[in-house]
N, C-alpha and C. Protein backbone atom coordinates (compact mmCIF):
# COMPACT_ATOMS: atom_id res chain seq x y z
N MET A 1 0.55 -1.13 0.34
CA MET A 1 -0.30 0.27 0.33
C MET A 1 0.78 1.16 0.10
N LYS A 2 1.74 1.34 0.84
CA LYS A 2 2.76 2.72 1.18
C LYS A 2 3.29 2.67 -0.57
N ALA A 3 3.69 1.50 -1.30
CA ALA A 3 5.26 1.54 -2.14
C ALA A 3 3.66 1.96 -3.34
N ARG A 4 2.31 1.69 -3.09
CA ARG A 4 1.73 1.98 -4.19
C ARG A 4 1.35 3.76 -4.26
N LYS A 5 1.43 4.17 -3.06
CA LYS A 5 1.09 5.61 -2.48
C LYS A 5 2.04 6.40 -3.41
N LEU A 6 3.30 6.07 -2.84
CA LEU A 6 5.27 6.83 -3.55
C LEU A 6 4.49 6.38 -5.09
N LEU A 7 4.34 5.63 -5.76
CA LEU A 7 4.10 5.22 -6.90
C LEU A 7 3.01 6.55 -7.81
N LEU A 8 2.00 6.31 -7.21
CA LEU A 8 1.24 7.23 -7.23
C LEU A 8 1.66 8.78 -7.33
N MET A 9 1.79 9.48 -6.30
CA MET A 9 2.74 10.57 -5.88
C MET A 9 3.50 11.05 -7.00
N PHE A 10 4.99 10.21 -6.99
CA PHE A 10 5.22 9.88 -8.02
C PHE A 10 4.61 10.56 -9.86
N SER A 11 4.11 9.29 -9.81
CA SER A 11 3.46 9.78 -11.24
C SER A 11 2.51 10.87 -11.41
N LEU A 12 2.06 11.47 -10.57
CA LEU A 12 1.29 12.59 -10.77
C LEU A 12 2.49 13.85 -10.54
N MET A 13 3.26 13.64 -10.30
CA MET A 13 4.47 14.53 -10.36
C MET A 13 4.50 14.72 -11.47
N VAL A 14 5.27 13.57 -11.79
CA VAL A 14 5.88 13.71 -13.34
C VAL A 14 4.33 14.21 -14.55
N VAL A 15 3.22 13.67 -13.94
CA VAL A 15 2.27 13.89 -15.01
C VAL A 15 2.01 15.60 -15.05
N VAL A 16 2.29 16.03 -14.04
CA VAL A 16 1.56 17.52 -14.36
C VAL A 16 2.47 18.08 -14.29
N GLY A 17 3.67 17.89 -14.00
CA GLY A 17 5.10 19.02 -13.99
C GLY A 17 5.72 19.46 -12.69
N VAL A 18 5.35 18.74 -11.58
CA VAL A 18 5.72 20.12 -10.50
C VAL A 18 7.23 18.95 -10.03
N PRO A 19 8.03 20.36 -9.89
CA PRO A 19 9.17 20.05 -9.49
C PRO A 19 9.58 18.89 -8.80
N LEU A 20 10.29 17.92 -9.13
CA LEU A 20 10.78 16.98 -8.26
C LEU A 20 11.69 17.44 -7.26
N ILE A 21 11.97 18.36 -6.81
CA ILE A 21 13.23 18.77 -5.93
C ILE A 21 12.02 19.77 -5.19
N ALA A 22 12.47 19.28 -3.68
CA ALA A 22 11.37 20.10 -2.82
C ALA A 22 12.73 20.78 -2.20
N GLN A 23 12.34 22.65 -2.19
CA GLN A 23 13.16 23.52 -1.66
C GLN A 23 12.69 23.44 -0.15
N ALA A 24 13.70 23.44 0.57
CA ALA A 24 13.73 23.74 2.06
C ALA A 24 14.05 25.57 1.83
N ALA A 25 13.02 25.86 2.96
CA ALA A 25 13.14 27.26 3.11
C ALA A 25 14.85 27.82 4.34
N THR A 26 14.71 26.75 5.23
CA THR A 26 15.86 26.80 5.61
C THR A 26 16.81 25.97 5.54
N ALA A 27 18.14 25.90 5.15
CA ALA A 27 18.84 25.21 5.59
C ALA A 27 19.48 25.37 6.61
N ILE A 28 19.58 23.90 7.44
CA ILE A 28 20.43 23.33 8.80
C ILE A 28 21.60 22.85 8.52
N ALA A 29 22.03 22.02 8.11
CA ALA A 29 23.32 21.21 7.45
C ALA A 29 23.68 20.72 6.35
N THR A 30 24.98 20.65 6.23
CA THR A 30 25.62 20.21 5.21
C THR A 30 26.22 18.72 5.56
N VAL A 31 26.53 17.51 5.42
CA VAL A 31 26.92 16.57 5.20
C VAL A 31 27.79 16.32 4.34
N GLY A 32 29.06 15.95 4.11
CA GLY A 32 29.79 15.40 3.21
C GLY A 32 30.81 14.57 3.24
N PRO A 33 31.48 13.94 2.60
CA PRO A 33 32.64 13.25 3.39
C PRO A 33 34.59 13.62 2.85
N ASN A 34 34.89 14.00 3.82
CA ASN A 34 36.45 14.24 3.90
C ASN A 34 36.74 13.98 2.98
N THR A 35 36.91 12.48 2.55
CA THR A 35 38.04 12.21 1.14
C THR A 35 37.16 11.96 0.64
N PRO A 36 37.84 11.48 -1.14
CA PRO A 36 37.04 10.80 -2.21
C PRO A 36 36.95 9.79 -2.10
N ALA A 37 36.80 8.75 -1.14
CA ALA A 37 36.26 7.20 -0.99
C ALA A 37 34.95 7.53 -0.78
N PRO A 38 34.39 6.18 -1.63
CA PRO A 38 32.38 6.59 -1.54
C PRO A 38 31.86 6.36 -0.69
N ASN A 39 30.69 7.00 -0.13
CA ASN A 39 30.23 7.30 0.50
C ASN A 39 29.05 6.65 0.03
N VAL A 40 28.25 7.16 -0.96
CA VAL A 40 27.11 6.44 -1.35
C VAL A 40 27.42 4.92 -2.58
N PHE A 41 26.60 4.00 -2.73
CA PHE A 41 26.46 2.75 -3.25
C PHE A 41 25.24 2.53 -3.28
N TYR A 42 25.03 1.54 -4.90
CA TYR A 42 23.99 0.91 -5.71
C TYR A 42 24.55 -0.08 -6.50
N ASN A 43 23.46 -1.38 -6.42
CA ASN A 43 24.20 -2.38 -7.22
C ASN A 43 23.38 -2.51 -8.00
N GLY A 44 22.75 -1.58 -8.62
CA GLY A 44 22.20 -1.65 -10.28
C GLY A 44 20.64 -2.55 -9.73
N ASN A 45 19.93 -2.17 -10.92
CA ASN A 45 18.71 -2.57 -11.37
C ASN A 45 17.62 -1.66 -10.72
N CYS A 46 16.64 -2.05 -11.68
CA CYS A 46 15.08 -0.95 -10.48
C CYS A 46 15.19 -1.71 -9.36
N ASN A 47 15.55 -2.59 -8.87
CA ASN A 47 15.25 -2.95 -7.47
C ASN A 47 16.39 -2.96 -6.18
N GLY A 48 17.33 -2.87 -6.94
CA GLY A 48 18.86 -2.68 -6.10
C GLY A 48 18.72 -1.90 -4.70
N ALA A 49 19.84 -2.51 -3.83
CA ALA A 49 19.99 -1.76 -2.66
C ALA A 49 20.88 -0.76 -2.47
N PHE A 50 20.08 0.43 -2.11
CA PHE A 50 20.66 1.99 -1.69
C PHE A 50 21.42 2.23 -0.42
N ASN A 51 22.80 2.59 -0.47
CA ASN A 51 23.11 2.67 0.95
C ASN A 51 24.25 4.05 1.01
N ILE A 52 23.92 4.69 2.16
CA ILE A 52 24.84 5.81 2.38
C ILE A 52 25.09 5.21 3.62
N ILE A 53 26.46 5.60 3.57
CA ILE A 53 27.46 5.38 5.03
C ILE A 53 28.64 5.52 4.59
N THR A 54 29.33 6.28 6.00
CA THR A 54 30.75 6.63 5.95
C THR A 54 31.20 7.29 7.29
N ASN A 55 32.07 6.72 7.87
CA ASN A 55 32.92 6.85 8.92
C ASN A 55 33.57 8.06 9.15
N ASN A 56 33.77 8.84 7.81
CA ASN A 56 35.07 9.91 7.78
C ASN A 56 34.33 11.41 7.18
N ALA A 57 33.37 11.65 7.43
CA ALA A 57 32.65 13.51 7.19
C ALA A 57 32.46 13.99 7.96
N PHE A 58 32.72 14.99 7.42
CA PHE A 58 32.18 16.07 8.36
C PHE A 58 30.93 16.99 8.33
N ILE A 59 30.56 17.65 9.13
CA ILE A 59 29.43 18.74 9.77
C ILE A 59 29.11 19.76 9.53
N ARG A 60 28.64 20.51 8.83
CA ARG A 60 28.73 22.03 8.80
C ARG A 60 27.15 22.85 9.40
N SER A 61 26.80 23.40 10.29
CA SER A 61 25.52 23.78 10.31
C SER A 61 25.85 25.07 9.89
N LYS A 62 24.22 25.27 9.28
CA LYS A 62 24.01 26.64 8.84
C LYS A 62 23.36 27.23 9.35
N VAL A 63 22.95 27.04 11.03
CA VAL A 63 21.92 27.94 11.99
C VAL A 63 22.65 28.22 13.27
N GLY A 64 23.94 27.96 13.21
CA GLY A 64 24.94 29.02 14.16
C GLY A 64 25.81 27.84 15.34
N PHE A 65 25.63 26.49 14.52
CA PHE A 65 26.59 25.58 15.48
C PHE A 65 27.47 25.08 14.97
N GLY A 66 28.47 25.51 14.32
CA GLY A 66 29.77 25.60 13.64
C GLY A 66 29.91 24.54 13.12
N PHE A 67 31.34 23.71 12.82
CA PHE A 67 31.70 22.55 12.35
C PHE A 67 32.10 21.75 12.91
N ASN A 68 31.54 20.56 12.77
CA ASN A 68 32.72 18.98 12.93
C ASN A 68 33.22 18.63 12.41
N PRO A 69 34.51 18.35 12.07
CA PRO A 69 35.42 17.53 10.54
C PRO A 69 34.96 16.13 10.61
N ASN A 70 34.88 15.85 12.01
CA ASN A 70 34.91 14.39 12.70
C ASN A 70 33.91 13.75 12.66
N VAL A 71 32.80 13.66 11.62
CA VAL A 71 31.54 12.30 12.08
C VAL A 71 31.30 10.94 11.39
N ASN A 72 30.37 10.15 11.79
CA ASN A 72 30.13 9.09 11.07
C ASN A 72 28.43 9.37 10.80
N VAL A 73 27.76 8.54 9.20
CA VAL A 73 27.24 9.43 8.73
C VAL A 73 26.60 7.89 8.52
N GLN A 74 25.25 7.76 8.76
CA GLN A 74 24.42 6.16 8.40
C GLN A 74 23.10 6.42 8.42
N PHE A 75 22.42 5.97 7.22
CA PHE A 75 21.31 6.21 6.91
C PHE A 75 20.49 4.71 6.52
N ALA A 76 19.23 3.99 6.50
CA ALA A 76 18.63 2.66 6.87
C ALA A 76 18.97 2.70 5.37
N PRO A 77 19.31 1.07 4.86
CA PRO A 77 19.13 0.57 3.76
C PRO A 77 17.96 0.98 2.95
N MET A 78 17.74 1.41 1.53
CA MET A 78 16.55 1.38 0.63
C MET A 78 17.08 0.75 -0.28
N VAL A 79 15.64 0.39 -0.92
CA VAL A 79 16.09 -0.69 -2.26
C VAL A 79 15.05 0.18 -3.22
N GLY A 80 15.21 -0.26 -4.58
CA GLY A 80 14.63 0.70 -5.55
C GLY A 80 13.04 -0.51 -5.63
N LEU A 81 12.32 0.44 -6.15
CA LEU A 81 10.89 -0.03 -6.29
C LEU A 81 10.44 0.22 -8.04
N CYS A 82 10.84 -0.61 -8.90
CA CYS A 82 10.39 -0.77 -10.09
C CYS A 82 9.47 -0.53 -10.76
N ALA A 83 8.02 -0.18 -10.02
CA ALA A 83 7.38 0.25 -10.54
C ALA A 83 7.26 1.57 -10.79
N THR A 84 8.24 2.24 -9.92
CA THR A 84 8.09 3.80 -9.78
C THR A 84 9.45 4.27 -11.49
N TYR A 85 9.90 3.14 -11.36
CA TYR A 85 10.83 3.34 -12.28
C TYR A 85 10.56 3.93 -13.66
N GLN A 86 11.42 5.32 -14.09
CA GLN A 86 10.29 5.82 -15.55
C GLN A 86 12.18 5.89 -16.36
N ILE A 87 12.20 5.89 -17.85
CA ILE A 87 13.69 6.86 -18.40
C ILE A 87 12.51 6.82 -19.81
N ASN A 88 13.81 8.26 -19.83
CA ASN A 88 12.81 8.42 -21.61
C ASN A 88 13.89 8.02 -22.73
N ALA A 89 13.22 8.88 -23.52
CA ALA A 89 14.51 8.82 -25.27
C ALA A 89 15.74 9.62 -24.70
N ALA A 90 15.47 10.54 -23.92
CA ALA A 90 17.13 11.44 -23.66
C ALA A 90 18.10 10.84 -22.99
N GLY A 91 17.61 9.31 -21.59
CA GLY A 91 18.19 8.56 -20.96
C GLY A 91 18.16 8.84 -19.61
N ILE A 92 17.19 10.56 -19.18
CA ILE A 92 17.00 10.55 -18.22
C ILE A 92 16.05 10.02 -17.67
N TRP A 93 16.19 9.45 -16.16
CA TRP A 93 15.88 8.80 -15.23
C TRP A 93 15.59 8.82 -14.07
N HIS A 94 14.16 8.48 -13.28
CA HIS A 94 13.92 8.34 -12.18
C HIS A 94 13.13 7.42 -11.31
N LEU A 95 14.26 6.83 -10.26
CA LEU A 95 13.82 5.76 -9.37
C LEU A 95 12.99 6.03 -8.03
N GLY A 96 12.15 5.51 -7.73
CA GLY A 96 11.72 5.42 -6.15
C GLY A 96 12.45 4.75 -5.52
N LEU A 97 12.52 4.85 -4.22
CA LEU A 97 13.33 4.08 -3.12
C LEU A 97 12.59 4.16 -1.74
N ALA A 98 12.59 3.40 -1.42
CA ALA A 98 12.00 3.19 0.11
C ALA A 98 12.88 2.24 1.00
N ASP A 99 12.22 2.28 2.01
CA ASP A 99 12.86 1.28 3.12
C ASP A 99 12.25 -0.29 2.47
N PRO A 100 13.07 -1.31 2.72
CA PRO A 100 12.81 -2.55 2.71
C PRO A 100 11.56 -3.14 2.97
N MET A 101 11.06 -2.60 4.27
CA MET A 101 10.11 -3.17 5.43
C MET A 101 9.06 -2.31 5.50
N GLY A 102 9.33 -1.15 4.41
CA GLY A 102 7.95 -0.25 4.28
C GLY A 102 8.00 0.56 5.54
N ILE A 103 8.54 0.88 6.67
CA ILE A 103 8.85 1.59 7.75
C ILE A 103 9.63 3.02 7.18
N PRO A 104 9.50 3.86 8.24
CA PRO A 104 10.27 5.23 7.76
C PRO A 104 12.05 5.09 7.68
N THR A 105 13.06 5.06 6.68
CA THR A 105 14.06 5.23 6.78
C THR A 105 14.76 6.24 7.59
N THR A 106 15.06 5.63 8.71
CA THR A 106 16.17 6.16 9.51
C THR A 106 17.48 7.11 9.17
N PHE A 107 18.12 8.08 9.36
CA PHE A 107 19.33 8.40 9.43
C PHE A 107 19.67 9.08 10.87
N SER A 108 21.51 8.84 10.85
CA SER A 108 22.05 9.60 12.18
C SER A 108 23.25 10.20 11.72
N VAL A 109 23.91 11.35 12.11
CA VAL A 109 25.19 11.86 12.38
C VAL A 109 25.42 12.04 13.64
N THR A 110 26.49 10.84 13.83
CA THR A 110 27.37 11.02 15.24
C THR A 110 28.71 11.68 15.31
N ASP A 111 28.69 12.32 16.04
CA ASP A 111 30.79 12.24 16.31
C ASP A 111 31.44 11.41 16.84
N ASN A 112 32.45 11.28 16.60
CA ASN A 112 33.32 10.32 17.06
C ASN A 112 33.36 9.68 18.38
N ALA A 113 33.23 10.62 19.36
CA ALA A 113 32.27 9.47 20.59
C ALA A 113 31.15 9.19 20.89
N GLY A 114 30.30 9.14 19.71
CA GLY A 114 29.24 8.25 19.33
C GLY A 114 28.15 9.19 20.22
N ASN A 115 27.95 10.69 20.24
CA ASN A 115 26.88 11.44 20.69
C ASN A 115 26.44 11.84 19.30
N THR A 116 25.20 11.71 19.23
CA THR A 116 24.29 12.33 18.13
C THR A 116 24.44 13.89 17.88
N LEU A 117 24.50 14.12 16.73
CA LEU A 117 24.25 15.61 16.35
C LEU A 117 22.81 15.66 15.73
N LEU A 118 22.25 14.94 14.42
CA LEU A 118 21.75 15.21 14.20
C LEU A 118 20.71 13.65 13.36
N LYS A 119 19.32 13.48 13.42
CA LYS A 119 18.85 12.32 14.08
C LYS A 119 17.47 12.60 13.26
N GLY A 120 17.22 11.39 12.13
CA GLY A 120 15.31 11.45 11.92
C GLY A 120 14.98 10.59 11.23
N GLU A 121 14.14 10.69 10.48
CA GLU A 121 13.45 9.58 9.58
C GLU A 121 13.04 10.54 8.54
N PHE A 122 12.26 9.87 7.18
CA PHE A 122 11.47 10.05 6.19
C PHE A 122 11.24 8.91 5.34
N ARG A 123 10.02 9.50 4.78
CA ARG A 123 9.09 8.19 3.90
C ARG A 123 9.77 8.35 2.48
N GLY A 124 10.09 7.27 2.09
CA GLY A 124 10.50 7.25 0.24
C GLY A 124 11.21 8.49 -0.01
N ALA A 125 12.30 8.07 -1.09
CA ALA A 125 12.99 9.41 -1.85
C ALA A 125 12.80 8.78 -3.18
N ILE A 126 13.50 9.68 -3.84
CA ILE A 126 13.22 9.60 -5.86
C ILE A 126 15.25 9.83 -6.17
N LEU A 127 15.87 8.61 -6.30
CA LEU A 127 17.08 8.40 -7.04
C LEU A 127 17.06 9.27 -8.34
N HIS A 128 17.53 10.17 -8.93
CA HIS A 128 17.43 10.70 -10.46
C HIS A 128 19.20 10.88 -11.02
N GLY A 129 19.23 10.64 -12.36
CA GLY A 129 20.20 10.33 -13.24
C GLY A 129 20.23 10.21 -14.82
N ARG A 130 21.24 10.48 -15.37
CA ARG A 130 20.68 10.40 -16.81
C ARG A 130 22.02 9.31 -17.21
N SER A 131 21.54 8.52 -18.37
CA SER A 131 22.14 7.58 -18.56
C SER A 131 23.90 8.06 -19.84
N GLY A 132 24.70 7.47 -18.42
CA GLY A 132 25.98 8.04 -19.26
C GLY A 132 26.39 9.10 -18.81
N SER A 133 25.60 9.59 -17.52
CA SER A 133 26.45 10.64 -16.41
C SER A 133 26.91 10.40 -15.46
N SER A 134 27.73 11.24 -14.70
CA SER A 134 28.37 10.40 -13.44
C SER A 134 27.69 11.39 -12.37
N SER A 135 26.92 12.13 -12.91
CA SER A 135 26.14 13.71 -12.04
C SER A 135 24.58 12.91 -11.38
N LEU A 136 24.48 12.52 -10.31
CA LEU A 136 23.41 12.10 -10.20
C LEU A 136 22.78 12.73 -8.91
N ALA A 137 21.31 12.70 -8.48
CA ALA A 137 20.99 13.43 -6.65
C ALA A 137 19.53 12.14 -6.57
N LEU A 138 19.84 12.56 -4.95
CA LEU A 138 18.60 11.65 -4.19
C LEU A 138 17.41 13.02 -3.91
N THR A 139 16.11 13.10 -4.00
CA THR A 139 15.18 13.98 -3.47
C THR A 139 14.07 13.25 -2.61
N LEU A 140 13.77 14.06 -2.11
CA LEU A 140 12.20 13.32 -1.36
C LEU A 140 10.92 13.69 -2.51
N PRO A 141 9.74 13.14 -2.60
CA PRO A 141 8.94 13.66 -3.30
C PRO A 141 8.03 14.33 -2.33
N ALA A 142 8.18 14.78 -0.95
CA ALA A 142 7.36 15.29 -0.40
C ALA A 142 8.50 16.05 1.17
N ASP A 143 8.37 17.56 1.27
CA ASP A 143 9.09 17.10 2.95
C ASP A 143 8.49 16.89 3.92
N ASN A 144 9.35 15.54 3.71
CA ASN A 144 8.64 14.20 5.03
C ASN A 144 9.34 14.32 5.84
N VAL A 145 10.91 14.71 6.17
CA VAL A 145 11.13 14.66 7.37
C VAL A 145 11.12 14.79 8.67
N VAL A 146 11.18 13.77 9.48
CA VAL A 146 10.87 14.40 10.80
C VAL A 146 12.35 13.82 11.65
N TYR A 147 12.66 15.50 12.25
CA TYR A 147 13.65 15.09 13.16
C TYR A 147 13.61 14.63 14.80
N ASP A 148 14.67 14.12 14.94
CA ASP A 148 14.64 13.83 17.10
C ASP A 148 15.04 14.82 16.97
N ALA A 149 14.19 15.62 17.58
CA ALA A 149 14.80 16.94 18.14
C ALA A 149 15.32 16.86 19.84
N ALA A 150 15.37 15.68 20.42
CA ALA A 150 15.15 15.43 21.29
C ALA A 150 16.96 14.96 21.19
N VAL A 151 17.58 14.45 20.43
CA VAL A 151 18.97 14.43 20.63
C VAL A 151 20.08 14.89 19.18
N SER A 152 19.20 16.27 18.33
CA SER A 152 19.48 16.64 17.69
C SER A 152 20.10 17.63 17.86
N PRO A 153 21.26 18.43 18.07
CA PRO A 153 21.83 19.40 19.01
C PRO A 153 21.68 20.28 17.31
N PHE A 154 22.38 19.83 16.29
CA PHE A 154 22.31 20.60 15.32
C PHE A 154 20.81 21.16 15.25
N LEU A 155 20.06 21.15 15.26
CA LEU A 155 18.91 21.73 15.09
C LEU A 155 18.14 23.60 15.82
N ALA A 156 17.92 24.49 15.40
CA ALA A 156 18.04 25.57 15.74
C ALA A 156 16.93 25.28 16.73
N PRO A 157 17.45 25.98 17.85
CA PRO A 157 15.65 26.69 18.71
C PRO A 157 14.65 26.99 18.07
N GLY A 158 13.88 26.15 18.63
CA GLY A 158 12.32 26.99 17.77
C GLY A 158 11.94 26.24 16.12
N ILE A 159 12.68 25.45 15.74
CA ILE A 159 12.89 24.51 14.30
C ILE A 159 11.93 23.41 14.78
N PRO A 160 10.83 23.13 13.86
CA PRO A 160 9.93 22.38 14.71
C PRO A 160 10.47 20.89 13.73
N PRO A 161 10.16 20.01 14.48
CA PRO A 161 11.19 18.47 14.39
C PRO A 161 10.07 17.89 13.28
N ASP A 162 9.39 18.54 12.31
CA ASP A 162 8.58 17.99 11.27
C ASP A 162 8.81 18.83 10.31
N GLY A 163 8.25 18.24 8.69
CA GLY A 163 8.25 19.11 7.65
C GLY A 163 9.52 18.96 7.12
N GLY A 164 10.19 18.21 7.36
CA GLY A 164 11.80 18.77 7.00
C GLY A 164 12.18 18.02 5.11
N SER A 165 13.54 18.60 4.93
CA SER A 165 13.87 17.91 4.01
C SER A 165 15.26 17.79 4.03
N LEU A 166 15.48 16.64 2.74
CA LEU A 166 17.34 16.64 2.56
C LEU A 166 16.96 16.39 1.16
N SER A 167 18.52 16.34 0.89
CA SER A 167 18.19 16.28 -0.58
C SER A 167 20.19 15.55 -0.44
N ILE A 168 20.43 14.59 -1.26
CA ILE A 168 21.98 14.42 -2.02
C ILE A 168 22.20 14.84 -3.25
N ALA A 169 23.52 15.48 -3.58
CA ALA A 169 24.00 16.12 -4.65
C ALA A 169 24.91 14.77 -4.92
N ILE A 170 25.08 13.70 -5.68
CA ILE A 170 25.86 12.34 -5.95
C ILE A 170 26.78 12.58 -6.83
N LEU A 171 27.80 12.06 -6.62
CA LEU A 171 28.72 12.23 -8.05
C LEU A 171 29.77 10.80 -8.04
N SER A 172 28.90 9.74 -9.07
CA SER A 172 30.18 8.87 -9.06
C SER A 172 31.26 8.73 -9.72
N GLN A 173 31.98 7.77 -9.20
CA GLN A 173 33.34 7.58 -9.90
C GLN A 173 33.14 7.25 -11.13
N ASN A 174 32.43 6.32 -11.88
CA ASN A 174 32.34 6.02 -13.22
C ASN A 174 30.66 6.50 -13.69
N PRO A 175 30.77 6.89 -14.92
CA PRO A 175 29.19 7.42 -15.44
C PRO A 175 28.87 6.18 -15.04
N VAL A 176 27.36 5.95 -15.03
CA VAL A 176 26.19 5.51 -14.78
C VAL A 176 25.35 5.11 -16.03
N MET A 177 25.57 4.29 -16.35
CA MET A 177 24.28 3.84 -17.74
C MET A 177 23.17 3.25 -17.22
N ALA A 178 22.03 3.66 -18.12
CA ALA A 178 20.70 3.36 -17.38
C ALA A 178 20.10 2.88 -18.77
N ASN A 179 19.21 1.51 -18.66
CA ASN A 179 18.22 0.92 -19.78
C ASN A 179 16.96 0.75 -19.23
N ALA A 180 15.99 -0.03 -19.66
CA ALA A 180 14.85 -0.44 -19.33
C ALA A 180 14.65 -1.12 -18.31
N ASN A 181 15.73 -1.83 -17.38
CA ASN A 181 15.71 -2.42 -16.71
C ASN A 181 16.38 -1.26 -14.83
N GLY A 182 17.08 -0.16 -15.37
CA GLY A 182 17.29 0.48 -14.22
C GLY A 182 18.77 1.06 -14.71
N PRO A 183 18.85 1.99 -13.40
CA PRO A 183 20.53 2.29 -14.11
C PRO A 183 21.18 0.95 -13.46
N GLN A 184 22.79 0.94 -13.61
CA GLN A 184 23.45 -0.41 -13.03
C GLN A 184 23.91 0.33 -11.62
N GLY A 185 24.54 -0.24 -11.52
CA GLY A 185 25.65 -0.27 -9.56
C GLY A 185 26.74 1.19 -10.05
N PHE A 186 26.62 1.83 -8.98
CA PHE A 186 27.73 2.61 -8.82
C PHE A 186 28.14 2.81 -7.16
N GLN A 187 29.69 3.55 -7.05
CA GLN A 187 30.08 3.96 -5.87
C GLN A 187 30.10 5.11 -6.07
N ALA A 188 29.71 5.95 -5.25
CA ALA A 188 30.18 7.73 -5.57
C ALA A 188 29.94 8.37 -3.87
N ASN A 189 30.46 9.59 -4.08
CA ASN A 189 30.31 10.69 -3.33
C ASN A 189 29.13 11.38 -3.29
N GLY A 190 28.87 11.61 -2.21
CA GLY A 190 27.51 12.65 -2.08
C GLY A 190 27.49 13.39 -0.80
N ASP A 191 26.90 14.41 -1.30
CA ASP A 191 26.76 15.73 0.02
C ASP A 191 25.53 15.60 0.33
N ILE A 192 25.17 15.60 1.92
CA ILE A 192 23.71 15.66 2.30
C ILE A 192 23.23 17.10 2.48
N ASN A 193 22.41 17.67 1.69
CA ASN A 193 21.45 19.24 2.53
C ASN A 193 20.32 18.74 3.20
N PHE A 194 20.30 19.04 4.39
CA PHE A 194 19.28 19.08 5.70
C PHE A 194 18.81 20.43 5.62
N GLY A 195 17.23 20.53 5.40
CA GLY A 195 16.89 21.91 6.08
C GLY A 195 15.39 21.28 6.68
N MET A 196 14.65 22.37 6.47
CA MET A 196 13.52 22.80 6.70
C MET A 196 12.14 23.79 6.48
N GLN A 197 11.24 23.42 6.19
CA GLN A 197 10.13 24.36 5.65
C GLN A 197 9.82 25.13 6.70
């Protein structure tokens, strides 16, 4: 049922031409890797596993909490939803992703001592690319991030915990080809932007 809702929402957005990238009114933080080692992984086709994990990243606050050059980033795994996959004649493709158990996808950013800096969850994402390009993106179909405010000191006081956004600018180590079966697997670097409406 949840996969059908995501498919319907995605299909309606494509049909009516709604932009697929949700814009956040307030940037909260940017998280990215410190080295060129990959932190974004996809194992290919329309039903592949998508993972984001690194133990060598930074977080830069956009709301006055500074910079930490040594953080760990972990997202719960997501999988591609074949029913959502679309590719056009120009090779531009979009693939819905979701938690394989149908529950919200969780994420956390922690420092090297294990202290949580930013934590939350969201439902569904869309992976975008163009066949033969190394540049990809992950966006949400709606601003549905719910931050765990109790353990997220990188949230500014007064920012509501729900209605958040995130997007990931992804640069693959090699061009990613795609066909009717989905995009090929890739390893990449990704910078994550967290925001709030």
